[in-house]
Amino acid sequence: MSETENNTEQGEISAQENPKHKKANRKTKFYYSFLTLVLLLCIVQIGFGTVLNISKTISNTSKIKTMEHILDNAEAYNGHLKKEIKLFSTDKTLEGIARNNLKMAGEDEVLVIINENKDETSDGKTSKGRFSKSNNAGVPSTETGI
């Protein structure tokens, strides 16, 4: 056989295989394209997840700093309250609070409560009449109208 006959035989064989080869080539191109898209989606998802994790880390760090600041303030306030408890737990301090707020007196003392009426009109008389309730004791007191 000569070279031309070999070439024609190979051309016929390649022509017969060519459609199959084109289909296989198309399938591999499709698979490669599909795998490329899947890979790109994975890369986008990894990038998006990374950005979210970094932003959450920054947010959590700022929240931790805020909570530590609040904790420090609460501990300082608790220390202040403990000092006040020690201060107010003495007998003299309790006696002073009772005298001032609860209108109490000691054993040899006389308690005098002066009620000032806030509802006085311009002529000096009260608008409630002769009897009015005391703000502190809850007992009616008389007014002299002097």
C-alpha atoms as a PDB file:
ATOM      1  CA  MET A   1       0.000   0.000   0.000  1.00  0.00           C
ATOM      2  CA  SER A   2       1.067   3.423  -0.705  1.00  0.00           C
ATOM      3  CA  GLU A   3       0.969   6.429   1.465  1.00  0.00           C
ATOM      4  CA  THR A   4      -2.092   7.872  -0.179  1.00  0.00           C
ATOM      5  CA  GLU A   5      -4.038   4.716   0.459  1.00  0.00           C
ATOM      6  CA  ASN A   6      -2.951   4.750   4.103  1.00  0.00           C
ATOM      7  CA  ASN A   7      -4.003   8.368   4.436  1.00  0.00           C
ATOM      8  CA  THR A   8      -7.393   7.710   2.893  1.00  0.00           C
ATOM      9  CA  GLU A   9      -7.961   4.720   5.154  1.00  0.00           C
ATOM     10  CA  GLN A  10      -6.985   6.728   8.190  1.00  0.00           C
ATOM     11  CA  GLY A  11      -9.237   9.587   7.012  1.00  0.00           C
ATOM     12  CA  GLU A  12     -12.161   7.193   6.696  1.00  0.00           C
ATOM     13  CA  ILE A  13     -11.462   5.740  10.105  1.00  0.00           C
ATOM     14  CA  SER A  14     -11.081   9.190  11.696  1.00  0.00           C
ATOM     15  CA  ALA A  15     -14.262  10.356   9.954  1.00  0.00           C
ATOM     16  CA  GLN A  16     -16.139   7.457  11.461  1.00  0.00           C
ATOM     17  CA  GLU A  17     -14.677   8.106  14.931  1.00  0.00           C
ATOM     18  CA  ASN A  18     -15.015  11.858  14.674  1.00  0.00           C
ATOM     19  CA  PRO A  19     -18.734  12.107  15.630  1.00  0.00           C
ATOM     20  CA  LYS A  20     -18.136   9.870  18.644  1.00  0.00           C
ATOM     21  CA  HIS A  21     -15.072  11.851  19.516  1.00  0.00           C
ATOM     22  CA  LYS A  22     -17.056  15.121  19.251  1.00  0.00           C
ATOM     23  CA  LYS A  23     -19.752  13.773  21.572  1.00  0.00           C
ATOM     24  CA  ALA A  24     -17.162  12.634  24.092  1.00  0.00           C
ATOM     25  CA  ASN A  25     -15.392  15.976  23.756  1.00  0.00           C
ATOM     26  CA  ARG A  26     -18.694  17.815  24.379  1.00  0.00           C
ATOM     27  CA  LYS A  27     -19.398  15.684  27.450  1.00  0.00           C
ATOM     28  CA  THR A  28     -15.984  16.364  28.927  1.00  0.00           C
ATOM     29  CA  LYS A  29     -16.372  20.095  28.215  1.00  0.00           C
ATOM     30  CA  PHE A  30     -19.775  20.028  29.945  1.00  0.00           C
ATOM     31  CA  TYR A  31     -18.330  18.179  32.944  1.00  0.00           C
ATOM     32  CA  TYR A  32     -15.443  20.601  33.176  1.00  0.00           C
ATOM     33  CA  SER A  33     -17.822  23.571  32.946  1.00  0.00           C
ATOM     34  CA  PHE A  34     -20.082  22.055  35.595  1.00  0.00           C
ATOM     35  CA  LEU A  35     -17.168  21.335  37.909  1.00  0.00           C
ATOM     36  CA  THR A  36     -15.857  24.870  37.362  1.00  0.00           C
ATOM     37  CA  LEU A  37     -19.228  26.344  38.374  1.00  0.00           C
ATOM     38  CA  VAL A  38     -19.389  24.107  41.444  1.00  0.00           C
ATOM     39  CA  LEU A  39     -15.860  25.139  42.377  1.00  0.00           C
ATOM     40  CA  LEU A  40     -16.715  28.832  41.947  1.00  0.00           C
ATOM     41  CA  LEU A  41     -19.827  28.439  44.127  1.00  0.00           C
ATOM     42  CA  CYS A  42     -17.742  26.727  46.809  1.00  0.00           C
ATOM     43  CA  ILE A  43     -15.164  29.517  46.698  1.00  0.00           C
ATOM     44  CA  VAL A  44     -17.910  32.170  46.959  1.00  0.00           C
ATOM     45  CA  GLN A  45     -19.487  30.341  49.902  1.00  0.00           C
ATOM     46  CA  ILE A  46     -16.138  30.004  51.669  1.00  0.00           C
ATOM     47  CA  GLY A  47     -15.449  33.710  51.147  1.00  0.00           C
ATOM     48  CA  PHE A  48     -18.908  34.691  52.384  1.00  0.00           C
ATOM     49  CA  GLY A  49     -18.533  32.474  55.446  1.00  0.00           C
ATOM     50  CA  THR A  50     -15.136  33.965  56.184  1.00  0.00           C
ATOM     51  CA  VAL A  51     -16.491  37.512  56.007  1.00  0.00           C
ATOM     52  CA  LEU A  52     -19.397  36.578  58.307  1.00  0.00           C
ATOM     53  CA  ASN A  53     -17.069  34.940  60.826  1.00  0.00           C
ATOM     54  CA  ILE A  54     -14.757  37.952  60.876  1.00  0.00           C
ATOM     55  CA  SER A  55     -17.681  40.335  61.404  1.00  0.00           C
ATOM     56  CA  LYS A  56     -19.097  38.136  64.188  1.00  0.00           C
ATOM     57  CA  THR A  57     -15.681  37.997  65.824  1.00  0.00           C
ATOM     58  CA  ILE A  58     -15.420  41.792  65.781  1.00  0.00           C
ATOM     59  CA  SER A  59     -18.970  42.132  67.122  1.00  0.00           C
ATOM     60  CA  ASN A  60     -18.386  39.601  69.895  1.00  0.00           C
ATOM     61  CA  THR A  61     -15.117  41.281  70.856  1.00  0.00           C
ATOM     62  CA  SER A  62     -16.882  44.627  71.264  1.00  0.00           C
ATOM     63  CA  LYS A  63     -19.669  42.960  73.272  1.00  0.00           C
ATOM     64  CA  ILE A  64     -17.080  41.320  75.539  1.00  0.00           C
ATOM     65  CA  LYS A  65     -15.407  44.678  76.163  1.00  0.00           C
ATOM     66  CA  THR A  66     -18.769  46.271  76.945  1.00  0.00           C
ATOM     67  CA  MET A  67     -19.695  43.471  79.355  1.00  0.00           C
ATOM     68  CA  GLU A  68     -16.296  43.686  81.072  1.00  0.00           C
ATOM     69  CA  HIS A  69     -16.838  47.442  81.520  1.00  0.00           C
ATOM     70  CA  ILE A  70     -20.297  46.803  82.997  1.00  0.00           C
ATOM     71  CA  LEU A  71     -18.839  44.123  85.276  1.00  0.00           C
ATOM     72  CA  ASP A  72     -16.137  46.500  86.510  1.00  0.00           C
ATOM     73  CA  ASN A  73     -18.758  49.176  87.223  1.00  0.00           C
ATOM     74  CA  ALA A  74     -20.962  46.651  89.051  1.00  0.00           C
ATOM     75  CA  GLU A  75     -18.038  45.453  91.174  1.00  0.00           C
ATOM     76  CA  ALA A  76     -17.142  49.042  92.070  1.00  0.00           C
ATOM     77  CA  TYR A  77     -20.767  49.770  92.962  1.00  0.00           C
ATOM     78  CA  ASN A  78     -20.939  46.588  95.075  1.00  0.00           C
ATOM     79  CA  GLY A  79     -17.803  47.685  96.924  1.00  0.00           C
ATOM     80  CA  HIS A  80     -19.404  51.072  97.563  1.00  0.00           C
ATOM     81  CA  LEU A  81     -22.581  49.396  98.858  1.00  0.00           C
ATOM     82  CA  LYS A  82     -20.555  47.123 101.161  1.00  0.00           C
ATOM     83  CA  LYS A  83     -18.844  50.181 102.620  1.00  0.00           C
ATOM     84  CA  GLU A  84     -22.238  51.836 103.162  1.00  0.00           C
ATOM     85  CA  ILE A  85     -23.589  48.692 104.829  1.00  0.00           C
ATOM     86  CA  LYS A  86     -20.631  48.685 107.226  1.00  0.00           C
ATOM     87  CA  LEU A  87     -21.164  52.390 107.867  1.00  0.00           C
ATOM     88  CA  PHE A  88     -24.914  52.091 108.469  1.00  0.00           C
ATOM     89  CA  SER A  89     -24.684  48.983 110.604  1.00  0.00           C
ATOM     90  CA  THR A  90     -23.277  50.887 113.591  1.00  0.00           C
ATOM     91  CA  ASP A  91     -25.647  51.809 116.427  1.00  0.00           C
ATOM     92  CA  LYS A  92     -25.070  55.545 116.149  1.00  0.00           C
ATOM     93  CA  THR A  93     -25.859  55.605 112.448  1.00  0.00           C
ATOM     94  CA  LEU A  94     -29.024  53.555 112.895  1.00  0.00           C
ATOM     95  CA  GLU A  95     -30.110  55.831 115.706  1.00  0.00           C
ATOM     96  CA  GLY A  96     -29.520  58.893 113.509  1.00  0.00           C
ATOM     97  CA  ILE A  97     -31.567  57.402 110.659  1.00  0.00           C
ATOM     98  CA  ALA A  98     -34.398  56.553 113.058  1.00  0.00           C
ATOM     99  CA  ARG A  99     -34.392  60.052 114.494  1.00  0.00           C
ATOM    100  CA  ASN A 100     -34.398  61.810 111.142  1.00  0.00           C
ATOM    101  CA  ASN A 101     -36.652  59.641 109.009  1.00  0.00           C
ATOM    102  CA  LEU A 102     -38.955  57.880 111.451  1.00  0.00           C
ATOM    103  CA  LYS A 103     -39.436  60.809 113.849  1.00  0.00           C
ATOM    104  CA  MET A 104     -38.205  58.913 116.878  1.00  0.00           C
ATOM    105  CA  ALA A 105     -36.635  60.235 120.067  1.00  0.00           C
ATOM    106  CA  GLY A 106     -34.216  58.893 122.646  1.00  0.00           C
ATOM    107  CA  GLU A 107     -35.129  57.853 126.216  1.00  0.00           C
ATOM    108  CA  ASP A 108     -34.667  61.274 127.845  1.00  0.00           C
ATOM    109  CA  GLU A 109     -35.742  63.343 124.810  1.00  0.00           C
ATOM    110  CA  VAL A 110     -38.995  65.003 123.828  1.00  0.00           C
ATOM    111  CA  LEU A 111     -39.978  64.919 120.139  1.00  0.00           C
ATOM    112  CA  VAL A 112     -41.511  68.086 118.720  1.00  0.00           C
ATOM    113  CA  ILE A 113     -42.941  67.932 115.192  1.00  0.00           C
ATOM    114  CA  ILE A 114     -43.795  71.208 113.499  1.00  0.00           C
ATOM    115  CA  ASN A 115     -46.120  70.851 110.527  1.00  0.00           C
ATOM    116  CA  GLU A 116     -46.065  73.613 107.982  1.00  0.00           C
ATOM    117  CA  ASN A 117     -49.260  73.865 105.977  1.00  0.00           C
ATOM    118  CA  LYS A 118     -48.644  74.366 102.247  1.00  0.00           C
ATOM    119  CA  ASP A 119     -52.291  75.091 101.315  1.00  0.00           C
ATOM    120  CA  GLU A 120     -52.535  78.551 102.903  1.00  0.00           C
ATOM    121  CA  THR A 121     -54.363  81.290 101.025  1.00  0.00           C
ATOM    122  CA  SER A 122     -53.302  84.929 100.907  1.00  0.00           C
ATOM    123  CA  ASP A 123     -55.336  85.959 104.005  1.00  0.00           C
ATOM    124  CA  GLY A 124     -53.597  83.382 106.225  1.00  0.00           C
ATOM    125  CA  LYS A 125     -56.463  80.875 106.559  1.00  0.00           C
ATOM    126  CA  THR A 126     -56.357  77.332 105.216  1.00  0.00           C
ATOM    127  CA  SER A 127     -58.678  76.172 102.515  1.00  0.00           C
ATOM    128  CA  LYS A 128     -59.312  72.849 104.300  1.00  0.00           C
ATOM    129  CA  GLY A 129     -60.893  74.292 107.405  1.00  0.00           C
ATOM    130  CA  ARG A 130     -60.047  73.952 111.057  1.00  0.00           C
ATOM    131  CA  PHE A 131     -58.707  70.362 110.964  1.00  0.00           C
ATOM    132  CA  SER A 132     -56.098  69.073 108.540  1.00  0.00           C
ATOM    133  CA  LYS A 133     -54.113  65.865 108.351  1.00  0.00           C
ATOM    134  CA  SER A 134     -50.479  65.917 109.241  1.00  0.00           C
ATOM    135  CA  ASN A 135     -48.148  64.788 106.467  1.00  0.00           C
ATOM    136  CA  ASN A 136     -45.814  62.970 108.827  1.00  0.00           C
ATOM    137  CA  ALA A 137     -47.893  61.355 111.584  1.00  0.00           C
ATOM    138  CA  GLY A 138     -51.268  60.859 109.911  1.00  0.00           C
ATOM    139  CA  VAL A 139     -53.027  62.339 113.003  1.00  0.00           C
ATOM    140  CA  PRO A 140     -55.342  65.368 112.643  1.00  0.00           C
ATOM    141  CA  SER A 141     -53.930  68.563 114.095  1.00  0.00           C
ATOM    142  CA  THR A 142     -55.649  71.781 114.999  1.00  0.00           C
ATOM    143  CA  GLU A 143     -54.695  75.147 113.626  1.00  0.00           C
ATOM    144  CA  THR A 144     -55.049  78.211 115.734  1.00  0.00           C
ATOM    145  CA  GLY A 145     -55.294  80.728 112.929  1.00  0.00           C
ATOM    146  CA  ILE A 146     -52.813  83.046 114.561  1.00  0.00           C
END
